[in-house]
Amino acid sequence: MLQRKLVSYLGLNPTEDSSGGRRRLGAISKQGNTMVRWLLIEAVYPAVRKDLALRQDYQPIEIRRGHAVAKVAIARKLLCVSWLH
């Protein structure tokens, strides 16, 4: 629960446009602290280069959705992992 609030605070959560039984997720909300969000995104490449588990998470997303979406996904994961430690 607290992780969701932290992700939401930094604007790494997707926007949602839902109607009826259909749920559509959009781009990240970009709410919150721009500098911290930018630093997390910049930390993705060194983390992916050094950590095999993160690289294995990054590569399929990059192939399927592109490098920008993959960077945001890994930045969110980095935030959640750093919060737990």
PDB file of N, CA and C in Angstrom:
ATOM      1  N   MET A   1       0.827  -1.193   0.000  1.00  0.00           N
ATOM      2  CA  MET A   1       0.000   0.000   0.000  1.00  0.00           C
ATOM      3  C   MET A   1       0.871   1.258   0.000  1.00  0.00           C
ATOM      4  N   LEU A   2       1.875   1.272   0.849  1.00  0.00           N
ATOM      5  CA  LEU A   2       2.748   2.435   0.926  1.00  0.00           C
ATOM      6  C   LEU A   2       3.573   2.597  -0.353  1.00  0.00           C
ATOM      7  N   GLN A   3       3.931   1.459  -0.980  1.00  0.00           N
ATOM      8  CA  GLN A   3       4.672   1.533  -2.240  1.00  0.00           C
ATOM      9  C   GLN A   3       3.834   2.206  -3.320  1.00  0.00           C
ATOM     10  N   ARG A   4       2.546   1.894  -3.368  1.00  0.00           N
ATOM     11  CA  ARG A   4       1.665   2.509  -4.360  1.00  0.00           C
ATOM     12  C   ARG A   4       1.600   4.013  -4.166  1.00  0.00           C
ATOM     13  N   LYS A   5       1.549   4.441  -2.919  1.00  0.00           N
ATOM     14  CA  LYS A   5       1.501   5.871  -2.643  1.00  0.00           C
ATOM     15  C   LYS A   5       2.798   6.555  -3.062  1.00  0.00           C
ATOM     16  N   LEU A   6       3.913   5.887  -2.828  1.00  0.00           N
ATOM     17  CA  LEU A   6       5.204   6.445  -3.216  1.00  0.00           C
ATOM     18  C   LEU A   6       5.330   6.530  -4.731  1.00  0.00           C
ATOM     19  N   VAL A   7       4.920   5.477  -5.430  1.00  0.00           N
ATOM     20  CA  VAL A   7       4.949   5.469  -6.889  1.00  0.00           C
ATOM     21  C   VAL A   7       4.022   6.555  -7.432  1.00  0.00           C
ATOM     22  N   SER A   8       2.875   6.695  -6.823  1.00  0.00           N
ATOM     23  CA  SER A   8       1.924   7.723  -7.242  1.00  0.00           C
ATOM     24  C   SER A   8       2.469   9.113  -6.959  1.00  0.00           C
ATOM     25  N   TYR A   9       3.113   9.289  -5.825  1.00  0.00           N
ATOM     26  CA  TYR A   9       3.676  10.589  -5.460  1.00  0.00           C
ATOM     27  C   TYR A   9       4.717  11.053  -6.478  1.00  0.00           C
ATOM     28  N   LEU A  10       5.498  10.122  -6.992  1.00  0.00           N
ATOM     29  CA  LEU A  10       6.538  10.476  -7.958  1.00  0.00           C
ATOM     30  C   LEU A  10       6.036  10.479  -9.397  1.00  0.00           C
ATOM     31  N   GLY A  11       4.779  10.117  -9.613  1.00  0.00           N
ATOM     32  CA  GLY A  11       4.201  10.184 -10.940  1.00  0.00           C
ATOM     33  C   GLY A  11       4.588   9.049 -11.853  1.00  0.00           C
ATOM     34  N   LEU A  12       4.953   7.907 -11.307  1.00  0.00           N
ATOM     35  CA  LEU A  12       5.315   6.749 -12.117  1.00  0.00           C
ATOM     36  C   LEU A  12       4.148   5.795 -12.314  1.00  0.00           C
ATOM     37  N   ASN A  13       2.965   6.196 -11.887  1.00  0.00           N
ATOM     38  CA  ASN A  13       1.778   5.369 -12.067  1.00  0.00           C
ATOM     39  C   ASN A  13       1.091   5.736 -13.379  1.00  0.00           C
ATOM     40  N   PRO A  14       0.439   4.771 -14.045  1.00  0.00           N
ATOM     41  CA  PRO A  14      -0.233   5.084 -15.303  1.00  0.00           C
ATOM     42  C   PRO A  14      -1.543   5.826 -15.053  1.00  0.00           C
ATOM     43  N   THR A  15      -1.899   6.696 -15.987  1.00  0.00           N
ATOM     44  CA  THR A  15      -3.214   7.323 -15.914  1.00  0.00           C
ATOM     45  C   THR A  15      -4.241   6.293 -16.344  1.00  0.00           C
ATOM     46  N   GLU A  16      -5.470   6.478 -15.911  1.00  0.00           N
ATOM     47  CA  GLU A  16      -6.506   5.502 -16.209  1.00  0.00           C
ATOM     48  C   GLU A  16      -7.717   6.204 -16.785  1.00  0.00           C
ATOM     49  N   ASP A  17      -8.235   5.650 -17.867  1.00  0.00           N
ATOM     50  CA  ASP A  17      -9.441   6.162 -18.494  1.00  0.00           C
ATOM     51  C   ASP A  17     -10.376   4.976 -18.662  1.00  0.00           C
ATOM     52  N   SER A  18     -11.245   4.766 -17.680  1.00  0.00           N
ATOM     53  CA  SER A  18     -12.102   3.596 -17.678  1.00  0.00           C
ATOM     54  C   SER A  18     -13.548   3.999 -17.892  1.00  0.00           C
ATOM     55  N   SER A  19     -14.267   3.120 -18.552  1.00  0.00           N
ATOM     56  CA  SER A  19     -15.684   3.336 -18.780  1.00  0.00           C
ATOM     57  C   SER A  19     -16.348   1.977 -18.906  1.00  0.00           C
ATOM     58  N   GLY A  20     -17.425   1.794 -18.168  1.00  0.00           N
ATOM     59  CA  GLY A  20     -18.102   0.505 -18.219  1.00  0.00           C
ATOM     60  C   GLY A  20     -17.205  -0.596 -17.702  1.00  0.00           C
ATOM     61  N   GLY A  21     -17.075  -1.659 -18.440  1.00  0.00           N
ATOM     62  CA  GLY A  21     -16.227  -2.773 -18.035  1.00  0.00           C
ATOM     63  C   GLY A  21     -14.848  -2.711 -18.655  1.00  0.00           C
ATOM     64  N   ARG A  22     -14.545  -1.614 -19.323  1.00  0.00           N
ATOM     65  CA  ARG A  22     -13.275  -1.511 -20.036  1.00  0.00           C
ATOM     66  C   ARG A  22     -12.291  -0.644 -19.257  1.00  0.00           C
ATOM     67  N   ARG A  23     -11.085  -1.142 -19.069  1.00  0.00           N
ATOM     68  CA  ARG A  23     -10.052  -0.412 -18.337  1.00  0.00           C
ATOM     69  C   ARG A  23      -8.920  -0.082 -19.297  1.00  0.00           C
ATOM     70  N   ARG A  24      -8.626   1.212 -19.454  1.00  0.00           N
ATOM     71  CA  ARG A  24      -7.559   1.643 -20.348  1.00  0.00           C
ATOM     72  C   ARG A  24      -6.514   2.399 -19.541  1.00  0.00           C
ATOM     73  N   LEU A  25      -5.292   1.914 -19.595  1.00  0.00           N
ATOM     74  CA  LEU A  25      -4.189   2.568 -18.903  1.00  0.00           C
ATOM     75  C   LEU A  25      -3.391   3.380 -19.916  1.00  0.00           C
ATOM     76  N   GLY A  26      -3.043   4.594 -19.528  1.00  0.00           N
ATOM     77  CA  GLY A  26      -2.332   5.489 -20.435  1.00  0.00           C
ATOM     78  C   GLY A  26      -0.897   5.716 -20.010  1.00  0.00           C
ATOM     79  N   ALA A  27      -0.395   6.890 -20.328  1.00  0.00           N
ATOM     80  CA  ALA A  27       0.978   7.276 -20.004  1.00  0.00           C
ATOM     81  C   ALA A  27       1.101   7.526 -18.500  1.00  0.00           C
ATOM     82  N   ILE A  28       2.329   7.688 -18.023  1.00  0.00           N
ATOM     83  CA  ILE A  28       2.521   7.965 -16.599  1.00  0.00           C
ATOM     84  C   ILE A  28       1.939   9.337 -16.279  1.00  0.00           C
ATOM     85  N   SER A  29       1.531   9.523 -15.041  1.00  0.00           N
ATOM     86  CA  SER A  29       0.813  10.740 -14.667  1.00  0.00           C
ATOM     87  C   SER A  29       1.717  11.969 -14.560  1.00  0.00           C
ATOM     88  N   LYS A  30       3.006  11.790 -14.313  1.00  0.00           N
ATOM     89  CA  LYS A  30       3.983  12.873 -14.183  1.00  0.00           C
ATOM     90  C   LYS A  30       3.623  13.867 -13.083  1.00  0.00           C
ATOM     91  N   GLN A  31       2.931  13.422 -12.088  1.00  0.00           N
ATOM     92  CA  GLN A  31       2.648  14.234 -10.911  1.00  0.00           C
ATOM     93  C   GLN A  31       3.845  14.112  -9.977  1.00  0.00           C
ATOM     94  N   GLY A  32       3.996  15.041  -9.084  1.00  0.00           N
ATOM     95  CA  GLY A  32       5.034  14.916  -8.078  1.00  0.00           C
ATOM     96  C   GLY A  32       6.367  15.508  -8.484  1.00  0.00           C
ATOM     97  N   ASN A  33       7.404  15.052  -7.809  1.00  0.00           N
ATOM     98  CA  ASN A  33       8.737  15.622  -7.924  1.00  0.00           C
ATOM     99  C   ASN A  33       9.411  15.204  -9.230  1.00  0.00           C
ATOM    100  N   THR A  34       9.609  16.164 -10.116  1.00  0.00           N
ATOM    101  CA  THR A  34      10.198  15.907 -11.424  1.00  0.00           C
ATOM    102  C   THR A  34      11.651  15.467 -11.318  1.00  0.00           C
ATOM    103  N   MET A  35      12.405  16.070 -10.433  1.00  0.00           N
ATOM    104  CA  MET A  35      13.832  15.764 -10.310  1.00  0.00           C
ATOM    105  C   MET A  35      14.054  14.325  -9.833  1.00  0.00           C
ATOM    106  N   VAL A  36      13.300  13.876  -8.859  1.00  0.00           N
ATOM    107  CA  VAL A  36      13.472  12.511  -8.360  1.00  0.00           C
ATOM    108  C   VAL A  36      13.068  11.511  -9.434  1.00  0.00           C
ATOM    109  N   ARG A  37      11.983  11.794 -10.153  1.00  0.00           N
ATOM    110  CA  ARG A  37      11.560  10.917 -11.242  1.00  0.00           C
ATOM    111  C   ARG A  37      12.654  10.850 -12.315  1.00  0.00           C
ATOM    112  N   TRP A  38      13.240  11.985 -12.669  1.00  0.00           N
ATOM    113  CA  TRP A  38      14.302  12.023 -13.668  1.00  0.00           C
ATOM    114  C   TRP A  38      15.518  11.223 -13.197  1.00  0.00           C
ATOM    115  N   LEU A  39      15.878  11.378 -11.921  1.00  0.00           N
ATOM    116  CA  LEU A  39      17.023  10.641 -11.384  1.00  0.00           C
ATOM    117  C   LEU A  39      16.782   9.133 -11.410  1.00  0.00           C
ATOM    118  N   LEU A  40      15.573   8.709 -11.105  1.00  0.00           N
ATOM    119  CA  LEU A  40      15.260   7.277 -11.168  1.00  0.00           C
ATOM    120  C   LEU A  40      15.373   6.752 -12.597  1.00  0.00           C
ATOM    121  N   ILE A  41      14.862   7.510 -13.551  1.00  0.00           N
ATOM    122  CA  ILE A  41      14.929   7.090 -14.948  1.00  0.00           C
ATOM    123  C   ILE A  41      16.394   7.023 -15.402  1.00  0.00           C
ATOM    124  N   GLU A  42      17.205   7.991 -14.984  1.00  0.00           N
ATOM    125  CA  GLU A  42      18.621   7.987 -15.357  1.00  0.00           C
ATOM    126  C   GLU A  42      19.380   6.837 -14.697  1.00  0.00           C
ATOM    127  N   ALA A  43      18.916   6.368 -13.565  1.00  0.00           N
ATOM    128  CA  ALA A  43      19.590   5.279 -12.858  1.00  0.00           C
ATOM    129  C   ALA A  43      19.296   3.914 -13.470  1.00  0.00           C
ATOM    130  N   VAL A  44      18.378   3.862 -14.417  1.00  0.00           N
ATOM    131  CA  VAL A  44      17.984   2.572 -14.993  1.00  0.00           C
ATOM    132  C   VAL A  44      19.125   1.933 -15.777  1.00  0.00           C
ATOM    133  N   TYR A  45      19.789   2.674 -16.667  1.00  0.00           N
ATOM    134  CA  TYR A  45      20.814   2.060 -17.511  1.00  0.00           C
ATOM    135  C   TYR A  45      21.974   1.471 -16.714  1.00  0.00           C
ATOM    136  N   PRO A  46      22.553   2.182 -15.745  1.00  0.00           N
ATOM    137  CA  PRO A  46      23.613   1.533 -14.951  1.00  0.00           C
ATOM    138  C   PRO A  46      23.102   0.313 -14.173  1.00  0.00           C
ATOM    139  N   ALA A  47      21.876   0.408 -13.678  1.00  0.00           N
ATOM    140  CA  ALA A  47      21.321  -0.718 -12.927  1.00  0.00           C
ATOM    141  C   ALA A  47      21.111  -1.929 -13.832  1.00  0.00           C
ATOM    142  N   VAL A  48      20.626  -1.688 -15.032  1.00  0.00           N
ATOM    143  CA  VAL A  48      20.383  -2.786 -15.977  1.00  0.00           C
ATOM    144  C   VAL A  48      21.700  -3.404 -16.427  1.00  0.00           C
ATOM    145  N   ARG A  49      22.737  -2.578 -16.581  1.00  0.00           N
ATOM    146  CA  ARG A  49      24.044  -3.106 -16.979  1.00  0.00           C
ATOM    147  C   ARG A  49      24.651  -3.997 -15.899  1.00  0.00           C
ATOM    148  N   LYS A  50      24.461  -3.647 -14.639  1.00  0.00           N
ATOM    149  CA  LYS A  50      25.130  -4.363 -13.547  1.00  0.00           C
ATOM    150  C   LYS A  50      24.309  -5.511 -12.960  1.00  0.00           C
ATOM    151  N   ASP A  51      22.991  -5.417 -12.975  1.00  0.00           N
ATOM    152  CA  ASP A  51      22.144  -6.409 -12.319  1.00  0.00           C
ATOM    153  C   ASP A  51      21.473  -7.308 -13.362  1.00  0.00           C
ATOM    154  N   LEU A  52      21.770  -8.583 -13.300  1.00  0.00           N
ATOM    155  CA  LEU A  52      21.243  -9.532 -14.269  1.00  0.00           C
ATOM    156  C   LEU A  52      19.725  -9.659 -14.162  1.00  0.00           C
ATOM    157  N   ALA A  53      19.189  -9.650 -12.955  1.00  0.00           N
ATOM    158  CA  ALA A  53      17.737  -9.790 -12.784  1.00  0.00           C
ATOM    159  C   ALA A  53      16.991  -8.606 -13.408  1.00  0.00           C
ATOM    160  N   LEU A  54      17.511  -7.407 -13.204  1.00  0.00           N
ATOM    161  CA  LEU A  54      16.886  -6.237 -13.817  1.00  0.00           C
ATOM    162  C   LEU A  54      17.021  -6.278 -15.338  1.00  0.00           C
ATOM    163  N   ARG A  55      18.141  -6.755 -15.827  1.00  0.00           N
ATOM    164  CA  ARG A  55      18.332  -6.864 -17.271  1.00  0.00           C
ATOM    165  C   ARG A  55      17.329  -7.844 -17.879  1.00  0.00           C
ATOM    166  N   GLN A  56      17.077  -8.933 -17.156  1.00  0.00           N
ATOM    167  CA  GLN A  56      16.115  -9.920 -17.646  1.00  0.00           C
ATOM    168  C   GLN A  56      14.688  -9.379 -17.614  1.00  0.00           C
ATOM    169  N   ASP A  57      14.414  -8.443 -16.731  1.00  0.00           N
ATOM    170  CA  ASP A  57      13.107  -7.786 -16.721  1.00  0.00           C
ATOM    171  C   ASP A  57      13.018  -6.727 -17.811  1.00  0.00           C
ATOM    172  N   TYR A  58      14.112  -6.031 -18.054  1.00  0.00           N
ATOM    173  CA  TYR A  58      14.140  -4.909 -18.992  1.00  0.00           C
ATOM    174  C   TYR A  58      14.021  -5.360 -20.452  1.00  0.00           C
ATOM    175  N   GLN A  59      14.767  -6.374 -20.834  1.00  0.00           N
ATOM    176  CA  GLN A  59      14.859  -6.746 -22.242  1.00  0.00           C
ATOM    177  C   GLN A  59      13.538  -7.160 -22.882  1.00  0.00           C
ATOM    178  N   PRO A  60      12.712  -7.991 -22.252  1.00  0.00           N
ATOM    179  CA  PRO A  60      11.442  -8.332 -22.901  1.00  0.00           C
ATOM    180  C   PRO A  60      10.506  -7.128 -23.053  1.00  0.00           C
ATOM    181  N   ILE A  61      10.519  -6.243 -22.068  1.00  0.00           N
ATOM    182  CA  ILE A  61       9.669  -5.053 -22.162  1.00  0.00           C
ATOM    183  C   ILE A  61      10.176  -4.151 -23.278  1.00  0.00           C
ATOM    184  N   GLU A  62      11.492  -4.018 -23.395  1.00  0.00           N
ATOM    185  CA  GLU A  62      12.071  -3.190 -24.452  1.00  0.00           C
ATOM    186  C   GLU A  62      11.715  -3.730 -25.833  1.00  0.00           C
ATOM    187  N   ILE A  63      11.774  -5.019 -25.997  1.00  0.00           N
ATOM    188  CA  ILE A  63      11.447  -5.628 -27.290  1.00  0.00           C
ATOM    189  C   ILE A  63       9.961  -5.430 -27.604  1.00  0.00           C
ATOM    190  N   ARG A  64       9.119  -5.643 -26.605  1.00  0.00           N
ATOM    191  CA  ARG A  64       7.678  -5.599 -26.817  1.00  0.00           C
ATOM    192  C   ARG A  64       7.124  -4.186 -26.917  1.00  0.00           C
ATOM    193  N   ARG A  65       7.599  -3.260 -26.044  1.00  0.00           N
ATOM    194  CA  ARG A  65       6.982  -1.940 -25.936  1.00  0.00           C
ATOM    195  C   ARG A  65       7.897  -0.771 -26.252  1.00  0.00           C
ATOM    196  N   GLY A  66       9.218  -0.999 -26.348  1.00  0.00           N
ATOM    197  CA  GLY A  66      10.154   0.077 -26.635  1.00  0.00           C
ATOM    198  C   GLY A  66      10.971   0.455 -25.407  1.00  0.00           C
ATOM    199  N   HIS A  67      12.060   1.186 -25.650  1.00  0.00           N
ATOM    200  CA  HIS A  67      12.995   1.472 -24.560  1.00  0.00           C
ATOM    201  C   HIS A  67      12.449   2.488 -23.556  1.00  0.00           C
ATOM    202  N   ALA A  68      11.605   3.420 -23.990  1.00  0.00           N
ATOM    203  CA  ALA A  68      11.081   4.433 -23.070  1.00  0.00           C
ATOM    204  C   ALA A  68      10.155   3.802 -22.030  1.00  0.00           C
ATOM    205  N   VAL A  69       9.283   2.922 -22.477  1.00  0.00           N
ATOM    206  CA  VAL A  69       8.366   2.244 -21.552  1.00  0.00           C
ATOM    207  C   VAL A  69       9.153   1.315 -20.636  1.00  0.00           C
ATOM    208  N   ALA A  70      10.165   0.659 -21.177  1.00  0.00           N
ATOM    209  CA  ALA A  70      10.982  -0.250 -20.367  1.00  0.00           C
ATOM    210  C   ALA A  70      11.737   0.517 -19.282  1.00  0.00           C
ATOM    211  N   LYS A  71      12.245   1.716 -19.615  1.00  0.00           N
ATOM    212  CA  LYS A  71      12.956   2.516 -18.612  1.00  0.00           C
ATOM    213  C   LYS A  71      12.027   2.907 -17.468  1.00  0.00           C
ATOM    214  N   VAL A  72      10.811   3.296 -17.777  1.00  0.00           N
ATOM    215  CA  VAL A  72       9.861   3.686 -16.730  1.00  0.00           C
ATOM    216  C   VAL A  72       9.488   2.476 -15.871  1.00  0.00           C
ATOM    217  N   ALA A  73       9.299   1.323 -16.499  1.00  0.00           N
ATOM    218  CA  ALA A  73       8.953   0.118 -15.749  1.00  0.00           C
ATOM    219  C   ALA A  73      10.060  -0.269 -14.779  1.00  0.00           C
ATOM    220  N   ILE A  74      11.305  -0.194 -15.224  1.00  0.00           N
ATOM    221  CA  ILE A  74      12.423  -0.549 -14.359  1.00  0.00           C
ATOM    222  C   ILE A  74      12.640   0.526 -13.297  1.00  0.00           C
ATOM    223  N   ALA A  75      12.395   1.782 -13.630  1.00  0.00           N
ATOM    224  CA  ALA A  75      12.504   2.857 -12.633  1.00  0.00           C
ATOM    225  C   ALA A  75      11.500   2.630 -11.507  1.00  0.00           C
ATOM    226  N   ARG A  76      10.306   2.216 -11.863  1.00  0.00           N
ATOM    227  CA  ARG A  76       9.301   1.912 -10.837  1.00  0.00           C
ATOM    228  C   ARG A  76       9.751   0.739  -9.976  1.00  0.00           C
ATOM    229  N   LYS A  77      10.329  -0.267 -10.631  1.00  0.00           N
ATOM    230  CA  LYS A  77      10.824  -1.428  -9.887  1.00  0.00           C
ATOM    231  C   LYS A  77      11.975  -1.031  -8.963  1.00  0.00           C
ATOM    232  N   LEU A  78      12.883  -0.177  -9.443  1.00  0.00           N
ATOM    233  CA  LEU A  78      13.984   0.300  -8.608  1.00  0.00           C
ATOM    234  C   LEU A  78      13.455   1.040  -7.379  1.00  0.00           C
ATOM    235  N   LEU A  79      12.425   1.849  -7.575  1.00  0.00           N
ATOM    236  CA  LEU A  79      11.839   2.595  -6.472  1.00  0.00           C
ATOM    237  C   LEU A  79      11.253   1.651  -5.427  1.00  0.00           C
ATOM    238  N   CYS A  80      10.526   0.637  -5.880  1.00  0.00           N
ATOM    239  CA  CYS A  80       9.917  -0.321  -4.954  1.00  0.00           C
ATOM    240  C   CYS A  80      10.972  -1.149  -4.221  1.00  0.00           C
ATOM    241  N   VAL A  81      12.012  -1.552  -4.937  1.00  0.00           N
ATOM    242  CA  VAL A  81      13.078  -2.349  -4.308  1.00  0.00           C
ATOM    243  C   VAL A  81      13.850  -1.495  -3.293  1.00  0.00           C
ATOM    244  N   SER A  82      14.133  -0.258  -3.650  1.00  0.00           N
ATOM    245  CA  SER A  82      14.869   0.603  -2.725  1.00  0.00           C
ATOM    246  C   SER A  82      14.038   0.931  -1.496  1.00  0.00           C
ATOM    247  N   TRP A  83      12.737   0.990  -1.646  1.00  0.00           N
ATOM    248  CA  TRP A  83      11.868   1.274  -0.499  1.00  0.00           C
ATOM    249  C   TRP A  83      11.872   0.098   0.472  1.00  0.00           C
ATOM    250  N   LEU A  84      11.955  -1.121  -0.051  1.00  0.00           N
ATOM    251  CA  LEU A  84      11.950  -2.319   0.798  1.00  0.00           C
ATOM    252  C   LEU A  84      13.259  -2.474   1.557  1.00  0.00           C
ATOM    253  N   HIS A  85      14.349  -1.956   1.008  1.00  0.00           N
ATOM    254  CA  HIS A  85      15.646  -2.127   1.658  1.00  0.00           C
ATOM    255  C   HIS A  85      15.970  -0.910   2.431  1.00  0.00           C
TER     256      HIS A  85
END
